[in-house]
Protein backbone atom coordinates (compact mmCIF):
# COMPACT_ATOMS: atom_id res chain seq x y z
CA MET A 1 -0.02 0.32 0.00
CA THR A 2 1.51 3.76 -1.18
CA GLN A 3 1.89 6.19 1.47
CA LYS A 4 -1.10 8.31 -0.85
CA SER A 5 -3.36 5.58 0.04
CA ASP A 6 -2.11 4.81 3.31
CA ALA A 7 -3.16 8.33 4.64
CA ARG A 8 -6.43 8.18 2.34
CA ARG A 9 -7.25 4.79 4.61
CA GLU A 10 -6.29 6.99 8.07
CA ASP A 11 -8.64 9.91 6.93
CA LEU A 12 -11.93 7.73 6.01
CA LYS A 13 -11.20 5.58 9.12
CA ALA A 14 -11.30 9.20 11.87
CA ARG A 15 -13.98 10.49 9.50
CA LEU A 16 -16.15 7.54 10.38
CA VAL A 17 -14.82 7.35 13.92
CA SER A 18 -15.46 10.83 14.17
CA ALA A 19 -19.30 10.46 12.50
CA ALA A 20 -19.63 7.57 14.82
CA ARG A 21 -18.58 9.20 17.57
CA ALA A 22 -21.01 12.10 17.07
CA ARG A 23 -24.03 10.24 16.60
CA ILE A 24 -23.45 7.97 19.65
CA GLN A 25 -23.36 11.67 21.57
CA SER A 26 -26.47 12.54 20.31
CA SER A 27 -28.11 9.35 19.78
CA GLY A 28 -26.65 6.83 22.38
CA LEU A 29 -25.62 3.79 20.92
CA GLY A 30 -29.33 1.84 19.96
CA GLY A 31 -30.47 3.89 16.90
CA LEU A 32 -26.55 3.35 15.42
CA ARG A 33 -26.69 2.50 11.29
CA ALA A 34 -24.41 2.26 9.07
CA ARG A 35 -25.64 3.95 6.86
CA ASP A 36 -25.66 6.95 8.59
CA ILE A 37 -22.33 7.36 9.88
CA THR A 38 -21.26 6.69 6.02
CA ALA A 39 -23.49 9.91 4.68
CA ASP A 40 -21.97 11.46 7.80
CA ALA A 41 -18.57 10.43 7.32
CA GLY A 42 -18.91 11.79 3.26
CA CYS A 43 -18.38 8.03 1.90
CA ALA A 44 -20.42 5.19 -0.06
CA LEU A 45 -21.55 2.47 2.86
CA GLY A 46 -19.02 0.06 1.29
CA ALA A 47 -16.38 2.19 2.50
CA LEU A 48 -17.08 1.31 6.18
CA TYR A 49 -16.07 -2.43 5.08
CA THR A 50 -12.73 -1.21 3.48
CA VAL A 51 -11.42 0.10 6.92
CA PHE A 52 -13.24 -2.06 10.20
CA ALA A 53 -14.42 -5.53 10.21
CA ASP A 54 -18.05 -4.26 10.90
CA LEU A 55 -20.22 -1.81 13.01
CA ASP A 56 -19.40 -3.44 15.89
CA ASP A 57 -15.13 -2.79 15.20
CA LEU A 58 -16.23 0.56 15.00
CA VAL A 59 -17.79 1.30 17.79
CA LEU A 60 -14.84 -0.16 19.52
CA HIS A 61 -13.04 2.33 18.11
CA VAL A 62 -15.02 5.25 19.19
CA ASN A 63 -14.86 3.14 22.84
CA SER A 64 -11.41 3.46 22.32
CA GLY A 65 -11.12 6.75 22.28
CA THR A 66 -13.81 7.54 24.88
CA LEU A 67 -11.26 5.26 27.52
CA ALA A 68 -8.79 7.61 26.17
CA GLU A 69 -10.23 10.32 27.65
CA LEU A 70 -11.57 8.66 30.61
CA GLY A 71 -7.77 7.60 31.77
CA ALA A 72 -6.51 11.28 30.93
CA VAL A 73 -9.14 12.54 33.55
CA LEU A 74 -8.30 10.25 36.22
CA ARG A 75 -4.76 10.45 35.56
CA THR A 76 -5.11 13.92 36.07
CA ALA A 77 -7.20 13.86 39.34
CA ALA A 78 -5.03 11.06 40.56
CA ALA A 79 -1.68 13.21 40.24
CA GLY A 80 -3.56 16.55 41.69
CA ALA A 81 -4.75 14.52 44.84
CA LEU A 82 -2.78 14.29 48.09
CA GLY A 83 -2.45 11.10 50.30
CA PRO A 84 -4.90 7.53 49.38
CA GLU A 85 -7.61 8.99 50.53
CA GLU A 86 -7.99 12.01 48.69
CA THR A 87 -6.81 10.34 45.54
CA LEU A 88 -9.89 7.65 45.80
CA LYS A 89 -12.26 10.65 46.36
CA ALA A 90 -10.79 12.37 43.29
CA LEU A 91 -11.21 9.72 41.46
CA ALA A 92 -14.58 8.90 42.27
CA ARG A 93 -15.12 13.02 42.12
CA ALA A 94 -13.66 12.80 38.17
CA TYR A 95 -15.57 9.59 37.07
CA LEU A 96 -18.74 10.96 38.62
CA ALA A 97 -17.86 14.16 36.37
CA PHE A 98 -16.68 12.13 33.33
CA ALA A 99 -20.08 10.00 33.53
CA SER A 100 -22.47 12.97 33.67
CA GLU A 101 -20.47 15.23 31.00
CA ASN A 102 -20.41 12.46 28.35
CA ARG A 103 -23.59 10.49 29.35
CA MET A 104 -23.83 8.48 26.04
CA LEU A 105 -20.12 7.99 25.04
CA TRP A 106 -19.67 6.83 28.53
CA ALA A 107 -23.12 4.41 28.59
CA ALA A 108 -21.33 3.02 25.24
CA LEU A 109 -18.69 1.54 26.95
CA PHE A 110 -20.90 -0.77 29.04
CA GLU A 111 -23.84 -1.11 26.67
CA HIS A 112 -21.80 -2.05 23.50
CA ARG A 113 -22.02 -6.16 22.96
CA MET A 114 -20.21 -7.95 20.62
CA ALA A 115 -22.49 -10.65 18.28
CA PRO A 116 -22.59 -13.64 19.79
CA GLY A 117 -19.61 -16.02 19.70
CA VAL A 118 -17.24 -13.01 18.93
CA PRO A 119 -15.19 -12.03 21.42
CA VAL A 120 -13.79 -8.85 22.42
CA PRO A 121 -10.47 -7.92 21.17
CA GLU A 122 -7.45 -8.54 23.78
CA TRP A 123 -6.16 -5.09 22.99
CA HIS A 124 -9.40 -3.23 23.80
CA LEU A 125 -10.14 -5.45 26.71
CA ALA A 126 -6.51 -4.00 27.94
CA GLU A 127 -8.26 -0.66 27.22
CA HIS A 128 -10.20 -1.23 30.16
CA ALA A 129 -7.68 -1.19 32.88
CA VAL A 130 -7.45 2.35 32.92
CA LEU A 131 -11.16 2.17 34.53
CA ILE A 132 -8.72 -0.16 37.56
CA GLN A 133 -4.99 0.95 37.06
CA TYR A 134 -5.61 4.07 39.87
CA LEU A 135 -6.65 2.46 42.44
CA VAL A 136 -4.96 0.10 43.04
CA GLU A 137 -1.96 2.56 44.68
CA PRO A 138 -3.98 4.33 47.02
CA LEU A 139 -5.49 0.66 48.19
CA ALA A 140 -1.99 -0.04 48.84
CA LEU A 141 -1.04 2.39 50.43
CA LEU A 142 -4.60 2.11 52.85
CA GLY A 143 -2.75 -0.67 54.01
CA ALA A 144 -4.44 -3.20 51.69
CA PRO A 145 -3.17 -6.90 50.31
CA SER A 146 0.46 -5.96 48.56
CA GLN A 147 -0.03 -8.99 46.42
CA ASN A 148 -0.79 -7.75 42.81
CA GLU A 149 -3.61 -10.81 42.54
CA ASP A 150 -5.33 -9.63 45.74
CA LEU A 151 -5.42 -6.04 45.29
CA LEU A 152 -6.88 -5.99 41.71
CA PRO A 153 -10.20 -8.30 42.84
CA ARG A 154 -10.42 -5.55 45.58
CA ALA A 155 -9.82 -2.55 42.98
CA ARG A 156 -12.50 -3.80 40.77
CA ALA A 157 -14.89 -4.73 43.78
CA ILE A 158 -14.52 -1.11 44.17
CA PHE A 159 -15.02 0.14 41.49
CA SER A 160 -18.07 -1.45 40.67
CA ALA A 161 -19.70 0.05 43.86
CA VAL A 162 -18.30 3.26 42.34
CA HIS A 163 -19.67 2.68 39.29
CA GLY A 164 -23.19 1.09 40.23
CA ILE A 165 -24.14 4.23 42.42
CA VAL A 166 -22.99 6.83 39.36
CA ALA A 167 -24.58 4.40 36.71
CA ILE A 168 -28.37 3.80 38.18
CA SER A 169 -28.17 7.72 39.73
CA LEU A 170 -27.77 9.17 36.36
CA GLU A 171 -30.28 6.36 34.96
CA ALA A 172 -32.36 8.27 37.09
CA ARG A 173 -33.31 4.31 38.63
CA PHE A 174 -36.07 4.68 41.84
CA ILE A 175 -33.26 4.24 44.10
CA GLY A 176 -30.59 6.25 42.81
CA LEU A 177 -29.63 9.54 44.19
CA ALA A 178 -30.56 13.13 42.61
CA PRO A 179 -27.95 15.13 41.04
CA PRO A 180 -28.51 17.23 43.99
CA VAL A 181 -26.87 14.73 46.68
CA LEU A 182 -25.22 12.12 44.07
CA GLU A 183 -21.67 13.11 44.39
CA ARG A 184 -21.92 14.42 48.18
CA GLU A 185 -22.99 10.68 48.76
CA LEU A 186 -20.62 9.32 46.75
CA LEU A 187 -17.58 11.01 48.36
CA ASN A 188 -19.38 9.85 52.01
CA PHE A 189 -19.22 6.02 50.40
CA VAL A 190 -15.42 6.93 49.58
CA ASP A 191 -15.03 7.62 53.40
CA VAL A 192 -16.96 4.74 54.72
CA LEU A 193 -14.59 2.31 52.43
CA VAL A 194 -11.48 4.52 53.50
CA SER A 195 -12.51 3.64 57.36
CA GLY A 196 -13.33 -0.13 56.83
CA LEU A 197 -9.85 -0.45 55.44
CA LYS A 198 -8.19 1.23 58.14
CA SER A 199 -9.91 -0.38 60.77
CA ARG A 200 -9.03 -3.80 58.93
CA HIS A 201 -5.23 -2.77 58.65
């Protein structure tokens, strides 16, 4: 493949990802159609399949960009915090803010499903580690078990708890928290969590 054709392919790929991202931002995953995306990107329907295996592959690349943005937000939050307790609070606050400001893109990270029998690619599974990696160090500093095999399940459990509070509340489920109290109660939950970890160690 020549340098010029490589550049055209990358341009097409970027336009399709941008168009799919805009569609997800405005309407979510539910009504996402290849025909609409290619029209927005200014290319033929068949062009999508020259750079992506299928629509699922395109969504994975949109989600990849969302994870990179979320990772940058969490990294900044962790870097600006003093001590493990404040780090966990900063991460929870940043996660809530990102989810609130990017509702549809954030939801797409968890709503998207591959076709039956098709596994999520390893490269994309590895990218999801950003949701966990910033929790490990503050947990270790709080006296959690020092072996990675023990810290990672705990980090995953804590992420799941925080994510659950955020997701249920932003989806306005009947047991969710209203926006005026959501951040306050999320940080109270982190306080309770930290107190429990300290009392055990």
